[in-house]
Structures are given as structure tokens and as C-alpha cells.
Amino acid sequence: MVGYGVISVKEGMIRVTDEPFCNFLCSLIWPIVESYWLTCVYLFTLKENKKHVVVLSLLPQHIQWFGENLFDERIVEYYESCSLDTIKSSIEKFKNLNFFKS
């Protein structure tokens, strides 16, 4: 990022020099981060509420519903965070990391 002039480093301090480009990169990356966050928070709520059981095949739709509600409440910034593809990817990643058992 230093080579492209997006950020500069002086005396151990990092400064954003090309803010529009940095905002563009954040708008590409942040919805993916929010999708993983939504999945993690939803799985945590399942852990806390042991009476609530979700069928694994319906888990992405439940997380999407949860994300859409958080978007409506303006907790989640990007609606793209509720994408089923990204949510399914995050579920697979968390499953591979043994966050939960199927």
C-alpha cells in the first residue's frame, strides 16, 4: 500500500494519503468481514440459548434473516453482508475450524 501511495509511514506513524482509494478498498472488504461477524454472533447466540435448535441446511437463511434485521437497525453497515454465498462460506470456514459440529 505504501508503494501505491495509499498510505505513508513516517517515524513509526501510518498516515492515509489516498483516502478515496482507501474507502474503496474498505467498501470491498468490509461486507465480507461483517458476514463472518454475523455468523459468529449468531453461532454464539445458539450456544447461549440451548433450547433453540437450527437444522444445518437452514442455518444460512437464519443468519441472513438475523443480518437483515441488524441492517434494518443500522448495526450492520452494508446490505451485502447478508449475502447467502458469503454466509455459507463463513459457515464452512467455522466448521473447518471446529467452531461447531454438524
PDB file of N, CA and C in Angstrom:
ATOM      1  N   MET A   1       0.832  -1.183   0.000  1.00  0.00           N
ATOM      2  CA  MET A   1       0.000   0.000   0.000  1.00  0.00           C
ATOM      3  C   MET A   1       0.880   1.252   0.000  1.00  0.00           C
ATOM      4  N   VAL A   2       2.065   1.140   0.609  1.00  0.00           N
ATOM      5  CA  VAL A   2       2.995   2.258   0.588  1.00  0.00           C
ATOM      6  C   VAL A   2       3.476   2.499  -0.845  1.00  0.00           C
ATOM      7  N   GLY A   3       3.771   1.408  -1.558  1.00  0.00           N
ATOM      8  CA  GLY A   3       4.248   1.519  -2.936  1.00  0.00           C
ATOM      9  C   GLY A   3       3.236   2.161  -3.869  1.00  0.00           C
ATOM     10  N   TYR A   4       1.954   1.972  -3.583  1.00  0.00           N
ATOM     11  CA  TYR A   4       0.903   2.558  -4.416  1.00  0.00           C
ATOM     12  C   TYR A   4       0.513   3.954  -3.956  1.00  0.00           C
ATOM     13  N   GLY A   5       1.097   4.420  -2.866  1.00  0.00           N
ATOM     14  CA  GLY A   5       0.796   5.763  -2.380  1.00  0.00           C
ATOM     15  C   GLY A   5      -0.500   5.880  -1.626  1.00  0.00           C
ATOM     16  N   VAL A   6      -1.042   4.761  -1.169  1.00  0.00           N
ATOM     17  CA  VAL A   6      -2.295   4.796  -0.413  1.00  0.00           C
ATOM     18  C   VAL A   6      -2.030   5.210   1.027  1.00  0.00           C
ATOM     19  N   ILE A   7      -0.927   4.707   1.592  1.00  0.00           N
ATOM     20  CA  ILE A   7      -0.529   5.075   2.944  1.00  0.00           C
ATOM     21  C   ILE A   7       0.942   5.481   2.927  1.00  0.00           C
ATOM     22  N   SER A   8       1.347   6.220   3.949  1.00  0.00           N
ATOM     23  CA  SER A   8       2.755   6.561   4.108  1.00  0.00           C
ATOM     24  C   SER A   8       3.157   6.266   5.547  1.00  0.00           C
ATOM     25  N   VAL A   9       4.416   5.924   5.734  1.00  0.00           N
ATOM     26  CA  VAL A   9       4.935   5.618   7.061  1.00  0.00           C
ATOM     27  C   VAL A   9       6.078   6.581   7.344  1.00  0.00           C
ATOM     28  N   LYS A  10       5.932   7.365   8.417  1.00  0.00           N
ATOM     29  CA  LYS A  10       6.973   8.300   8.844  1.00  0.00           C
ATOM     30  C   LYS A  10       7.111   8.212  10.354  1.00  0.00           C
ATOM     31  N   GLU A  11       8.326   7.966  10.799  1.00  0.00           N
ATOM     32  CA  GLU A  11       8.646   7.921  12.227  1.00  0.00           C
ATOM     33  C   GLU A  11       7.726   6.962  12.980  1.00  0.00           C
ATOM     34  N   GLY A  12       7.435   5.825  12.382  1.00  0.00           N
ATOM     35  CA  GLY A  12       6.600   4.819  13.035  1.00  0.00           C
ATOM     36  C   GLY A  12       5.111   5.108  12.998  1.00  0.00           C
ATOM     37  N   MET A  13       4.708   6.176  12.358  1.00  0.00           N
ATOM     38  CA  MET A  13       3.295   6.538  12.258  1.00  0.00           C
ATOM     39  C   MET A  13       2.793   6.228  10.848  1.00  0.00           C
ATOM     40  N   ILE A  14       1.592   5.686  10.758  1.00  0.00           N
ATOM     41  CA  ILE A  14       0.980   5.369   9.470  1.00  0.00           C
ATOM     42  C   ILE A  14      -0.070   6.429   9.170  1.00  0.00           C
ATOM     43  N   ARG A  15      -0.010   6.980   7.961  1.00  0.00           N
ATOM     44  CA  ARG A  15      -0.963   8.008   7.560  1.00  0.00           C
ATOM     45  C   ARG A  15      -1.595   7.621   6.229  1.00  0.00           C
ATOM     46  N   VAL A  16      -2.901   7.780   6.114  1.00  0.00           N
ATOM     47  CA  VAL A  16      -3.611   7.525   4.863  1.00  0.00           C
ATOM     48  C   VAL A  16      -3.415   8.738   3.973  1.00  0.00           C
ATOM     49  N   THR A  17      -2.860   8.503   2.778  1.00  0.00           N
ATOM     50  CA  THR A  17      -2.611   9.612   1.857  1.00  0.00           C
ATOM     51  C   THR A  17      -3.627   9.659   0.714  1.00  0.00           C
ATOM     52  N   ASP A  18      -4.227   8.529   0.384  1.00  0.00           N
ATOM     53  CA  ASP A  18      -5.226   8.479  -0.688  1.00  0.00           C
ATOM     54  C   ASP A  18      -6.530   7.952  -0.085  1.00  0.00           C
ATOM     55  N   GLU A  19      -7.263   8.835   0.565  1.00  0.00           N
ATOM     56  CA  GLU A  19      -8.470   8.427   1.285  1.00  0.00           C
ATOM     57  C   GLU A  19      -9.558   7.840   0.387  1.00  0.00           C
ATOM     58  N   PRO A  20      -9.833   8.393  -0.801  1.00  0.00           N
ATOM     59  CA  PRO A  20     -10.863   7.778  -1.653  1.00  0.00           C
ATOM     60  C   PRO A  20     -10.539   6.335  -2.022  1.00  0.00           C
ATOM     61  N   PHE A  21      -9.277   6.041  -2.319  1.00  0.00           N
ATOM     62  CA  PHE A  21      -8.897   4.679  -2.663  1.00  0.00           C
ATOM     63  C   PHE A  21      -9.007   3.769  -1.446  1.00  0.00           C
ATOM     64  N   CYS A  22      -8.617   4.284  -0.290  1.00  0.00           N
ATOM     65  CA  CYS A  22      -8.730   3.509   0.950  1.00  0.00           C
ATOM     66  C   CYS A  22     -10.202   3.203   1.252  1.00  0.00           C
ATOM     67  N   ASN A  23     -11.084   4.175   1.054  1.00  0.00           N
ATOM     68  CA  ASN A  23     -12.522   3.959   1.244  1.00  0.00           C
ATOM     69  C   ASN A  23     -13.060   2.920   0.270  1.00  0.00           C
ATOM     70  N   PHE A  24     -12.553   2.959  -0.965  1.00  0.00           N
ATOM     71  CA  PHE A  24     -12.959   1.969  -1.960  1.00  0.00           C
ATOM     72  C   PHE A  24     -12.563   0.563  -1.525  1.00  0.00           C
ATOM     73  N   LEU A  25     -11.333   0.398  -1.062  1.00  0.00           N
ATOM     74  CA  LEU A  25     -10.880  -0.914  -0.592  1.00  0.00           C
ATOM     75  C   LEU A  25     -11.703  -1.390   0.600  1.00  0.00           C
ATOM     76  N   CYS A  26     -11.994  -0.481   1.515  1.00  0.00           N
ATOM     77  CA  CYS A  26     -12.811  -0.847   2.682  1.00  0.00           C
ATOM     78  C   CYS A  26     -14.218  -1.274   2.269  1.00  0.00           C
ATOM     79  N   SER A  27     -14.778  -0.614   1.253  1.00  0.00           N
ATOM     80  CA  SER A  27     -16.128  -0.978   0.813  1.00  0.00           C
ATOM     81  C   SER A  27     -16.148  -2.353   0.155  1.00  0.00           C
ATOM     82  N   LEU A  28     -15.003  -2.813  -0.344  1.00  0.00           N
ATOM     83  CA  LEU A  28     -14.918  -4.156  -0.917  1.00  0.00           C
ATOM     84  C   LEU A  28     -14.733  -5.218   0.167  1.00  0.00           C
ATOM     85  N   ILE A  29     -13.964  -4.905   1.178  1.00  0.00           N
ATOM     86  CA  ILE A  29     -13.577  -5.886   2.191  1.00  0.00           C
ATOM     87  C   ILE A  29     -14.563  -5.950   3.355  1.00  0.00           C
ATOM     88  N   TRP A  30     -15.100  -4.811   3.768  1.00  0.00           N
ATOM     89  CA  TRP A  30     -15.907  -4.766   4.980  1.00  0.00           C
ATOM     90  C   TRP A  30     -17.158  -5.656   4.940  1.00  0.00           C
ATOM     91  N   PRO A  31     -17.900  -5.771   3.837  1.00  0.00           N
ATOM     92  CA  PRO A  31     -19.054  -6.679   3.834  1.00  0.00           C
ATOM     93  C   PRO A  31     -18.669  -8.134   4.123  1.00  0.00           C
ATOM     94  N   ILE A  32     -17.496  -8.552   3.677  1.00  0.00           N
ATOM     95  CA  ILE A  32     -17.053  -9.920   3.957  1.00  0.00           C
ATOM     96  C   ILE A  32     -16.765 -10.079   5.442  1.00  0.00           C
ATOM     97  N   VAL A  33     -16.106  -9.088   6.015  1.00  0.00           N
ATOM     98  CA  VAL A  33     -15.806  -9.125   7.455  1.00  0.00           C
ATOM     99  C   VAL A  33     -17.107  -9.150   8.251  1.00  0.00           C
ATOM    100  N   GLU A  34     -18.077  -8.335   7.853  1.00  0.00           N
ATOM    101  CA  GLU A  34     -19.362  -8.310   8.554  1.00  0.00           C
ATOM    102  C   GLU A  34     -20.104  -9.640   8.427  1.00  0.00           C
ATOM    103  N   SER A  35     -20.004 -10.314   7.292  1.00  0.00           N
ATOM    104  CA  SER A  35     -20.653 -11.620   7.129  1.00  0.00           C
ATOM    105  C   SER A  35     -20.094 -12.633   8.118  1.00  0.00           C
ATOM    106  N   TYR A  36     -18.774 -12.643   8.252  1.00  0.00           N
ATOM    107  CA  TYR A  36     -18.148 -13.548   9.218  1.00  0.00           C
ATOM    108  C   TYR A  36     -18.535 -13.161  10.646  1.00  0.00           C
ATOM    109  N   TRP A  37     -18.623 -11.870  10.906  1.00  0.00           N
ATOM    110  CA  TRP A  37     -19.037 -11.399  12.233  1.00  0.00           C
ATOM    111  C   TRP A  37     -20.482 -11.821  12.520  1.00  0.00           C
ATOM    112  N   LEU A  38     -21.374 -11.656  11.528  1.00  0.00           N
ATOM    113  CA  LEU A  38     -22.771 -12.068  11.705  1.00  0.00           C
ATOM    114  C   LEU A  38     -22.866 -13.557  12.026  1.00  0.00           C
ATOM    115  N   THR A  39     -22.117 -14.363  11.297  1.00  0.00           N
ATOM    116  CA  THR A  39     -22.134 -15.808  11.530  1.00  0.00           C
ATOM    117  C   THR A  39     -21.637 -16.127  12.922  1.00  0.00           C
ATOM    118  N   CYS A  40     -20.570 -15.490  13.330  1.00  0.00           N
ATOM    119  CA  CYS A  40     -20.000 -15.729  14.657  1.00  0.00           C
ATOM    120  C   CYS A  40     -20.977 -15.326  15.755  1.00  0.00           C
ATOM    121  N   VAL A  41     -21.598 -14.169  15.624  1.00  0.00           N
ATOM    122  CA  VAL A  41     -22.553 -13.700  16.636  1.00  0.00           C
ATOM    123  C   VAL A  41     -23.765 -14.628  16.694  1.00  0.00           C
ATOM    124  N   TYR A  42     -24.263 -15.055  15.535  1.00  0.00           N
ATOM    125  CA  TYR A  42     -25.417 -15.944  15.524  1.00  0.00           C
ATOM    126  C   TYR A  42     -25.081 -17.285  16.172  1.00  0.00           C
ATOM    127  N   LEU A  43     -23.909 -17.828  15.864  1.00  0.00           N
ATOM    128  CA  LEU A  43     -23.497 -19.091  16.490  1.00  0.00           C
ATOM    129  C   LEU A  43     -23.345 -18.927  18.003  1.00  0.00           C
ATOM    130  N   PHE A  44     -22.867 -17.778  18.422  1.00  0.00           N
ATOM    131  CA  PHE A  44     -22.748 -17.515  19.853  1.00  0.00           C
ATOM    132  C   PHE A  44     -24.119 -17.479  20.523  1.00  0.00           C
ATOM    133  N   THR A  45     -25.121 -16.879  19.844  1.00  0.00           N
ATOM    134  CA  THR A  45     -26.460 -16.844  20.429  1.00  0.00           C
ATOM    135  C   THR A  45     -27.054 -18.253  20.515  1.00  0.00           C
ATOM    136  N   LEU A  46     -26.716 -19.115  19.552  1.00  0.00           N
ATOM    137  CA  LEU A  46     -27.178 -20.508  19.623  1.00  0.00           C
ATOM    138  C   LEU A  46     -26.559 -21.227  20.813  1.00  0.00           C
ATOM    139  N   LYS A  47     -25.301 -20.924  21.081  1.00  0.00           N
ATOM    140  CA  LYS A  47     -24.615 -21.541  22.213  1.00  0.00           C
ATOM    141  C   LYS A  47     -25.264 -21.112  23.527  1.00  0.00           C
ATOM    142  N   GLU A  48     -25.644 -19.848  23.618  1.00  0.00           N
ATOM    143  CA  GLU A  48     -26.241 -19.314  24.843  1.00  0.00           C
ATOM    144  C   GLU A  48     -27.663 -19.823  25.056  1.00  0.00           C
ATOM    145  N   ASN A  49     -28.408 -20.006  23.959  1.00  0.00           N
ATOM    146  CA  ASN A  49     -29.798 -20.456  24.048  1.00  0.00           C
ATOM    147  C   ASN A  49     -29.857 -21.914  23.601  1.00  0.00           C
ATOM    148  N   LYS A  50     -29.618 -22.815  24.511  1.00  0.00           N
ATOM    149  CA  LYS A  50     -29.511 -24.240  24.177  1.00  0.00           C
ATOM    150  C   LYS A  50     -30.849 -24.857  23.753  1.00  0.00           C
ATOM    151  N   LYS A  51     -31.964 -24.200  24.040  1.00  0.00           N
ATOM    152  CA  LYS A  51     -33.276 -24.719  23.652  1.00  0.00           C
ATOM    153  C   LYS A  51     -33.541 -24.520  22.159  1.00  0.00           C
ATOM    154  N   HIS A  52     -32.880 -23.547  21.566  1.00  0.00           N
ATOM    155  CA  HIS A  52     -33.098 -23.221  20.151  1.00  0.00           C
ATOM    156  C   HIS A  52     -32.182 -24.090  19.292  1.00  0.00           C
ATOM    157  N   VAL A  53     -32.782 -24.908  18.451  1.00  0.00           N
ATOM    158  CA  VAL A  53     -32.024 -25.802  17.574  1.00  0.00           C
ATOM    159  C   VAL A  53     -32.322 -25.411  16.133  1.00  0.00           C
ATOM    160  N   VAL A  54     -31.280 -25.349  15.308  1.00  0.00           N
ATOM    161  CA  VAL A  54     -31.430 -24.991  13.903  1.00  0.00           C
ATOM    162  C   VAL A  54     -30.897 -26.133  13.057  1.00  0.00           C
ATOM    163  N   VAL A  55     -31.651 -26.520  12.067  1.00  0.00           N
ATOM    164  CA  VAL A  55     -31.201 -27.532  11.108  1.00  0.00           C
ATOM    165  C   VAL A  55     -30.070 -26.914  10.297  1.00  0.00           C
ATOM    166  N   LEU A  56     -28.988 -27.662  10.103  1.00  0.00           N
ATOM    167  CA  LEU A  56     -27.805 -27.129   9.435  1.00  0.00           C
ATOM    168  C   LEU A  56     -28.110 -26.589   8.040  1.00  0.00           C
ATOM    169  N   SER A  57     -29.017 -27.227   7.320  1.00  0.00           N
ATOM    170  CA  SER A  57     -29.337 -26.753   5.965  1.00  0.00           C
ATOM    171  C   SER A  57     -30.070 -25.403   5.989  1.00  0.00           C
ATOM    172  N   LEU A  58     -30.713 -25.080   7.110  1.00  0.00           N
ATOM    173  CA  LEU A  58     -31.428 -23.805   7.232  1.00  0.00           C
ATOM    174  C   LEU A  58     -30.603 -22.728   7.922  1.00  0.00           C
ATOM    175  N   LEU A  59     -29.419 -23.080   8.407  1.00  0.00           N
ATOM    176  CA  LEU A  59     -28.587 -22.126   9.137  1.00  0.00           C
ATOM    177  C   LEU A  59     -28.254 -20.873   8.319  1.00  0.00           C
ATOM    178  N   PRO A  60     -27.865 -20.979   7.040  1.00  0.00           N
ATOM    179  CA  PRO A  60     -27.581 -19.750   6.272  1.00  0.00           C
ATOM    180  C   PRO A  60     -28.777 -18.800   6.187  1.00  0.00           C
ATOM    181  N   GLN A  61     -29.983 -19.342   6.019  1.00  0.00           N
ATOM    182  CA  GLN A  61     -31.169 -18.486   5.938  1.00  0.00           C
ATOM    183  C   GLN A  61     -31.437 -17.801   7.284  1.00  0.00           C
ATOM    184  N   HIS A  62     -31.207 -18.508   8.386  1.00  0.00           N
ATOM    185  CA  HIS A  62     -31.406 -17.911   9.702  1.00  0.00           C
ATOM    186  C   HIS A  62     -30.402 -16.778   9.933  1.00  0.00           C
ATOM    187  N   ILE A  63     -29.155 -17.003   9.537  1.00  0.00           N
ATOM    188  CA  ILE A  63     -28.138 -15.966   9.690  1.00  0.00           C
ATOM    189  C   ILE A  63     -28.449 -14.779   8.784  1.00  0.00           C
ATOM    190  N   GLN A  64     -28.940 -15.055   7.579  1.00  0.00           N
ATOM    191  CA  GLN A  64     -29.313 -13.972   6.665  1.00  0.00           C
ATOM    192  C   GLN A  64     -30.451 -13.145   7.263  1.00  0.00           C
ATOM    193  N   TRP A  65     -31.448 -13.795   7.819  1.00  0.00           N
ATOM    194  CA  TRP A  65     -32.557 -13.090   8.464  1.00  0.00           C
ATOM    195  C   TRP A  65     -32.035 -12.226   9.610  1.00  0.00           C
ATOM    196  N   PHE A  66     -31.147 -12.805  10.413  1.00  0.00           N
ATOM    197  CA  PHE A  66     -30.530 -12.087  11.530  1.00  0.00           C
ATOM    198  C   PHE A  66     -29.771 -10.862  11.017  1.00  0.00           C
ATOM    199  N   GLY A  67     -28.991 -11.034   9.956  1.00  0.00           N
ATOM    200  CA  GLY A  67     -28.228  -9.933   9.380  1.00  0.00           C
ATOM    201  C   GLY A  67     -29.119  -8.842   8.812  1.00  0.00           C
ATOM    202  N   GLU A  68     -30.210  -9.227   8.158  1.00  0.00           N
ATOM    203  CA  GLU A  68     -31.130  -8.228   7.603  1.00  0.00           C
ATOM    204  C   GLU A  68     -31.776  -7.412   8.710  1.00  0.00           C
ATOM    205  N   ASN A  69     -32.102  -8.064   9.821  1.00  0.00           N
ATOM    206  CA  ASN A  69     -32.655  -7.319  10.956  1.00  0.00           C
ATOM    207  C   ASN A  69     -31.627  -6.344  11.526  1.00  0.00           C
ATOM    208  N   LEU A  70     -30.380  -6.778  11.617  1.00  0.00           N
ATOM    209  CA  LEU A  70     -29.337  -5.869  12.105  1.00  0.00           C
ATOM    210  C   LEU A  70     -29.080  -4.738  11.118  1.00  0.00           C
ATOM    211  N   PHE A  71     -29.233  -5.009   9.826  1.00  0.00           N
ATOM    212  CA  PHE A  71     -29.097  -3.950   8.824  1.00  0.00           C
ATOM    213  C   PHE A  71     -30.229  -2.938   8.975  1.00  0.00           C
ATOM    214  N   ASP A  72     -31.461  -3.425   9.182  1.00  0.00           N
ATOM    215  CA  ASP A  72     -32.596  -2.528   9.377  1.00  0.00           C
ATOM    216  C   ASP A  72     -32.420  -1.659  10.618  1.00  0.00           C
ATOM    217  N   GLU A  73     -31.754  -2.200  11.633  1.00  0.00           N
ATOM    218  CA  GLU A  73     -31.490  -1.444  12.865  1.00  0.00           C
ATOM    219  C   GLU A  73     -30.213  -0.614  12.769  1.00  0.00           C
ATOM    220  N   ARG A  74     -29.579  -0.634  11.608  1.00  0.00           N
ATOM    221  CA  ARG A  74     -28.351   0.116  11.312  1.00  0.00           C
ATOM    222  C   ARG A  74     -27.163  -0.305  12.174  1.00  0.00           C
ATOM    223  N   ILE A  75     -27.139  -1.565  12.557  1.00  0.00           N
ATOM    224  CA  ILE A  75     -25.990  -2.118  13.273  1.00  0.00           C
ATOM    225  C   ILE A  75     -24.976  -2.624  12.256  1.00  0.00           C
ATOM    226  N   VAL A  76     -25.476  -3.224  11.174  1.00  0.00           N
ATOM    227  CA  VAL A  76     -24.636  -3.673  10.064  1.00  0.00           C
ATOM    228  C   VAL A  76     -24.705  -2.591   8.993  1.00  0.00           C
ATOM    229  N   GLU A  77     -23.533  -2.189   8.492  1.00  0.00           N
ATOM    230  CA  GLU A  77     -23.479  -1.061   7.560  1.00  0.00           C
ATOM    231  C   GLU A  77     -23.822  -1.436   6.126  1.00  0.00           C
ATOM    232  N   TYR A  78     -23.396  -2.609   5.683  1.00  0.00           N
ATOM    233  CA  TYR A  78     -23.566  -2.994   4.279  1.00  0.00           C
ATOM    234  C   TYR A  78     -24.585  -4.120   4.140  1.00  0.00           C
ATOM    235  N   TYR A  79     -25.539  -3.935   3.237  1.00  0.00           N
ATOM    236  CA  TYR A  79     -26.528  -4.977   3.000  1.00  0.00           C
ATOM    237  C   TYR A  79     -25.887  -6.209   2.356  1.00  0.00           C
ATOM    238  N   GLU A  80     -24.771  -6.000   1.665  1.00  0.00           N
ATOM    239  CA  GLU A  80     -24.061  -7.111   1.035  1.00  0.00           C
ATOM    240  C   GLU A  80     -23.553  -8.114   2.069  1.00  0.00           C
ATOM    241  N   SER A  81     -23.491  -7.703   3.323  1.00  0.00           N
ATOM    242  CA  SER A  81     -23.064  -8.608   4.394  1.00  0.00           C
ATOM    243  C   SER A  81     -24.057  -9.752   4.589  1.00  0.00           C
ATOM    244  N   CYS A  82     -25.267  -9.576   4.090  1.00  0.00           N
ATOM    245  CA  CYS A  82     -26.316 -10.584   4.243  1.00  0.00           C
ATOM    246  C   CYS A  82     -26.352 -11.550   3.058  1.00  0.00           C
ATOM    247  N   SER A  83     -25.331 -11.536   2.238  1.00  0.00           N
ATOM    248  CA  SER A  83     -25.264 -12.406   1.067  1.00  0.00           C
ATOM    249  C   SER A  83     -25.163 -13.868   1.494  1.00  0.00           C
ATOM    250  N   LEU A  84     -26.030 -14.704   0.936  1.00  0.00           N
ATOM    251  CA  LEU A  84     -26.032 -16.128   1.279  1.00  0.00           C
ATOM    252  C   LEU A  84     -24.716 -16.806   0.923  1.00  0.00           C
ATOM    253  N   ASP A  85     -24.108 -16.403  -0.191  1.00  0.00           N
ATOM    254  CA  ASP A  85     -22.849 -17.027  -0.595  1.00  0.00           C
ATOM    255  C   ASP A  85     -21.753 -16.781   0.439  1.00  0.00           C
ATOM    256  N   THR A  86     -21.634 -15.554   0.901  1.00  0.00           N
ATOM    257  CA  THR A  86     -20.604 -15.236   1.889  1.00  0.00           C
ATOM    258  C   THR A  86     -20.926 -15.884   3.226  1.00  0.00           C
ATOM    259  N   ILE A  87     -22.190 -15.929   3.584  1.00  0.00           N
ATOM    260  CA  ILE A  87     -22.591 -16.574   4.838  1.00  0.00           C
ATOM    261  C   ILE A  87     -22.296 -18.069   4.782  1.00  0.00           C
ATOM    262  N   LYS A  88     -22.600 -18.705   3.655  1.00  0.00           N
ATOM    263  CA  LYS A  88     -22.294 -20.140   3.517  1.00  0.00           C
ATOM    264  C   LYS A  88     -20.790 -20.382   3.596  1.00  0.00           C
ATOM    265  N   SER A  89     -20.020 -19.500   3.001  1.00  0.00           N
ATOM    266  CA  SER A  89     -18.566 -19.605   3.058  1.00  0.00           C
ATOM    267  C   SER A  89     -18.062 -19.472   4.491  1.00  0.00           C
ATOM    268  N   SER A  90     -18.635 -18.545   5.235  1.00  0.00           N
ATOM    269  CA  SER A  90     -18.213 -18.368   6.629  1.00  0.00           C
ATOM    270  C   SER A  90     -18.607 -19.560   7.492  1.00  0.00           C
ATOM    271  N   ILE A  91     -19.758 -20.151   7.209  1.00  0.00           N
ATOM    272  CA  ILE A  91     -20.177 -21.354   7.953  1.00  0.00           C
ATOM    273  C   ILE A  91     -19.191 -22.483   7.696  1.00  0.00           C
ATOM    274  N   GLU A  92     -18.815 -22.670   6.440  1.00  0.00           N
ATOM    275  CA  GLU A  92     -17.842 -23.723   6.107  1.00  0.00           C
ATOM    276  C   GLU A  92     -16.497 -23.474   6.784  1.00  0.00           C
ATOM    277  N   LYS A  93     -16.071 -22.226   6.786  1.00  0.00           N
ATOM    278  CA  LYS A  93     -14.790 -21.886   7.417  1.00  0.00           C
ATOM    279  C   LYS A  93     -14.849 -22.160   8.921  1.00  0.00           C
ATOM    280  N   PHE A  94     -15.940 -21.760   9.567  1.00  0.00           N
ATOM    281  CA  PHE A  94     -16.072 -22.005  11.005  1.00  0.00           C
ATOM    282  C   PHE A  94     -16.196 -23.499  11.303  1.00  0.00           C
ATOM    283  N   LYS A  95     -16.847 -24.232  10.393  1.00  0.00           N
ATOM    284  CA  LYS A  95     -16.946 -25.687  10.562  1.00  0.00           C
ATOM    285  C   LYS A  95     -15.561 -26.324  10.451  1.00  0.00           C
ATOM    286  N   ASN A  96     -14.762 -25.877   9.485  1.00  0.00           N
ATOM    287  CA  ASN A  96     -13.409 -26.401   9.314  1.00  0.00           C
ATOM    288  C   ASN A  96     -12.504 -26.066  10.497  1.00  0.00           C
ATOM    289  N   LEU A  97     -12.794 -24.952  11.165  1.00  0.00           N
ATOM    290  CA  LEU A  97     -12.015 -24.559  12.338  1.00  0.00           C
ATOM    291  C   LEU A  97     -12.555 -25.183  13.630  1.00  0.00           C
ATOM    292  N   ASN A  98     -13.547 -26.076  13.479  1.00  0.00           N
ATOM    293  CA  ASN A  98     -14.165 -26.780  14.623  1.00  0.00           C
ATOM    294  C   ASN A  98     -14.827 -25.845  15.625  1.00  0.00           C
ATOM    295  N   PHE A  99     -15.444 -24.765  15.111  1.00  0.00           N
ATOM    296  CA  PHE A  99     -16.218 -23.885  15.975  1.00  0.00           C
ATOM    297  C   PHE A  99     -17.508 -24.571  16.414  1.00  0.00           C
ATOM    298  N   PHE A 100     -18.017 -25.456  15.562  1.00  0.00           N
ATOM    299  CA  PHE A 100     -19.223 -26.211  15.890  1.00  0.00           C
ATOM    300  C   PHE A 100     -19.191 -27.520  15.138  1.00  0.00           C
ATOM    301  N   LYS A 101     -20.048 -28.434  15.581  1.00  0.00           N
ATOM    302  CA  LYS A 101     -20.140 -29.753  14.943  1.00  0.00           C
ATOM    303  C   LYS A 101     -21.451 -29.830  14.186  1.00  0.00           C
ATOM    304  N   SER A 102     -21.403 -30.466  13.030  1.00  0.00           N
ATOM    305  CA  SER A 102     -22.629 -30.615  12.241  1.00  0.00           C
ATOM    306  C   SER A 102     -23.290 -31.945  12.517  1.00  0.00           C
TER     307      SER A 102
END
